[in-house]
Protein backbone atom coordinates (compact mmCIF):
# COMPACT_ATOMS: atom_id res chain seq x y z
CA UNK A 1 17.50 80.74 -122.30
CA UNK A 2 16.75 82.12 -125.75
CA UNK A 3 20.24 83.68 -125.85
CA UNK A 4 21.88 80.32 -125.05
CA UNK A 5 19.85 78.58 -127.77
CA UNK A 6 20.85 81.25 -130.29
CA UNK A 7 24.52 80.85 -129.31
CA UNK A 8 24.31 77.05 -129.81
CA UNK A 9 22.71 77.52 -133.24
CA UNK A 10 25.43 79.99 -134.25
CA UNK A 11 28.22 77.69 -133.05
CA UNK A 12 26.68 74.72 -134.90
CA UNK A 13 26.38 76.87 -138.03
CA UNK A 14 30.03 77.87 -137.85
CA UNK A 15 31.08 74.24 -137.28
CA UNK A 16 28.95 73.12 -140.24
CA UNK A 17 30.53 75.74 -142.48
CA UNK A 18 34.01 74.69 -141.37
CA UNK A 19 33.26 71.02 -142.11
CA UNK A 20 32.00 72.00 -145.56
CA UNK A 21 35.16 74.06 -146.14
CA UNK A 22 37.36 71.08 -145.24
CA UNK A 23 35.39 68.79 -147.58
CA UNK A 24 35.72 71.26 -150.44
CA UNK A 25 39.43 71.67 -149.73
CA UNK A 26 39.98 67.90 -150.07
CA UNK A 27 37.96 67.84 -153.28
CA UNK A 28 39.96 70.77 -154.67
CA UNK A 29 43.24 68.98 -153.87
CA UNK A 30 41.99 65.83 -155.63
CA UNK A 31 40.94 67.84 -158.69
CA UNK A 32 44.31 69.61 -158.80
CA UNK A 33 46.13 66.30 -158.62
CA UNK A 34 43.94 64.87 -161.39
CA UNK A 35 44.59 67.92 -163.54
CA UNK A 36 48.35 67.65 -163.01
CA UNK A 37 48.25 63.98 -164.02
CA UNK A 38 46.23 64.81 -167.15
CA UNK A 39 48.63 67.62 -168.09
CA UNK A 40 51.59 65.26 -167.67
CA UNK A 41 49.87 62.62 -169.82
CA UNK A 42 49.08 65.27 -172.42
CA UNK A 43 52.71 66.43 -172.45
CA UNK A 44 54.00 62.87 -172.86
CA UNK A 45 51.55 62.20 -175.68
CA UNK A 46 52.64 65.40 -177.44
CA UNK A 47 56.30 64.31 -177.18
CA UNK A 48 55.41 60.86 -178.47
CA UNK A 49 53.40 62.36 -181.34
CA UNK A 50 56.28 64.68 -182.27
CA UNK A 51 58.69 61.75 -182.14
CA UNK A 52 56.48 59.63 -184.38
CA UNK A 53 56.01 62.50 -186.83
CA UNK A 54 59.77 63.07 -186.86
CA UNK A 55 60.44 59.38 -187.47
CA UNK A 56 57.93 59.16 -190.29
CA UNK A 57 59.33 62.34 -191.86
CA UNK A 58 62.89 61.05 -191.54
CA UNK A 59 61.90 57.76 -193.18
CA UNK A 60 60.28 59.58 -196.07
CA UNK A 61 63.17 62.02 -196.46
CA UNK A 62 65.94 59.60 -197.56
CA UNK A 63 63.93 58.44 -200.57
CA UNK A 64 63.37 62.02 -201.66
CA UNK A 65 66.85 63.32 -200.84
CA UNK A 66 68.93 60.42 -202.12
CA UNK A 67 70.45 60.77 -205.55
CA UNK A 68 71.20 58.31 -208.30
CA UNK A 69 74.89 57.75 -208.73
CA UNK A 70 75.64 58.34 -212.39
CA UNK A 71 78.45 55.77 -212.41
CA UNK A 72 76.99 52.80 -210.56
CA UNK A 73 73.27 53.46 -211.04
CA UNK A 74 72.68 53.07 -207.30
CA UNK A 75 71.24 55.37 -204.70
CA UNK A 76 73.53 57.19 -202.29
CA UNK A 77 71.94 58.48 -199.10
CA UNK A 78 73.41 61.68 -197.76
CA UNK A 79 75.61 60.91 -194.71
CA UNK A 80 74.74 64.31 -193.22
CA UNK A 81 71.00 63.58 -193.17
CA UNK A 82 71.62 60.21 -191.52
CA UNK A 83 73.76 61.71 -188.74
CA UNK A 84 71.27 64.56 -188.23
CA UNK A 85 68.49 62.01 -187.63
CA UNK A 86 70.62 60.17 -185.05
CA UNK A 87 71.41 63.43 -183.23
CA UNK A 88 67.72 64.44 -183.28
CA UNK A 89 66.59 61.06 -181.96
CA UNK A 90 69.21 61.19 -179.20
CA UNK A 91 68.04 64.68 -178.21
CA UNK A 92 64.43 63.49 -178.00
CA UNK A 93 65.47 60.49 -175.89
CA UNK A 94 67.46 62.74 -173.55
CA UNK A 95 64.54 65.19 -173.24
CA UNK A 96 62.16 62.33 -172.38
CA UNK A 97 64.58 60.98 -169.75
CA UNK A 98 64.98 64.42 -168.17
CA UNK A 99 61.23 65.00 -168.05
CA UNK A 100 60.64 61.55 -166.53
CA UNK A 101 63.19 62.29 -163.81
CA UNK A 102 61.73 65.73 -163.09
CA UNK A 103 58.14 64.49 -162.91
CA UNK A 104 59.02 61.76 -160.40
CA UNK A 105 60.58 64.17 -157.91
CA UNK A 106 57.64 66.42 -157.25
CA UNK A 107 54.16 67.47 -158.19
CA UNK A 108 51.35 69.81 -157.38
CA UNK A 109 50.57 69.82 -153.67
C-alpha cells in the first residue's frame, strides 16, 4: 500500500514537472517572438534614422558645395552631387523594399 502511494506521488510529480515545462516553453516562444519583433522595429528605425540623416546632409551639402558663377553671379549646383543623391535614395528605397519582403516571409519559430 505504501509502495502504491509512493508510485502515485512520483507519477504526479513527473506530470507536474512536465506541465511546468510546457508552460515555460510557451512563454519562451512568446518572448522569442517579442524579441524578434523588437529587433525588426529597431532595424527599421535605424534605416529610417540613416535615411533622415542622409537627407538632411544632402540638403545641407548643395549650399556648401555650390559655387558662384563669375559671369552671371548665380549659384550652380554640381550635377554630379545631385545624381549621387538620387542614386543613394534609390538604393535606400530598394534596400527597404527587400527587407520588407524578407521579413514578411518568415520569422523566428
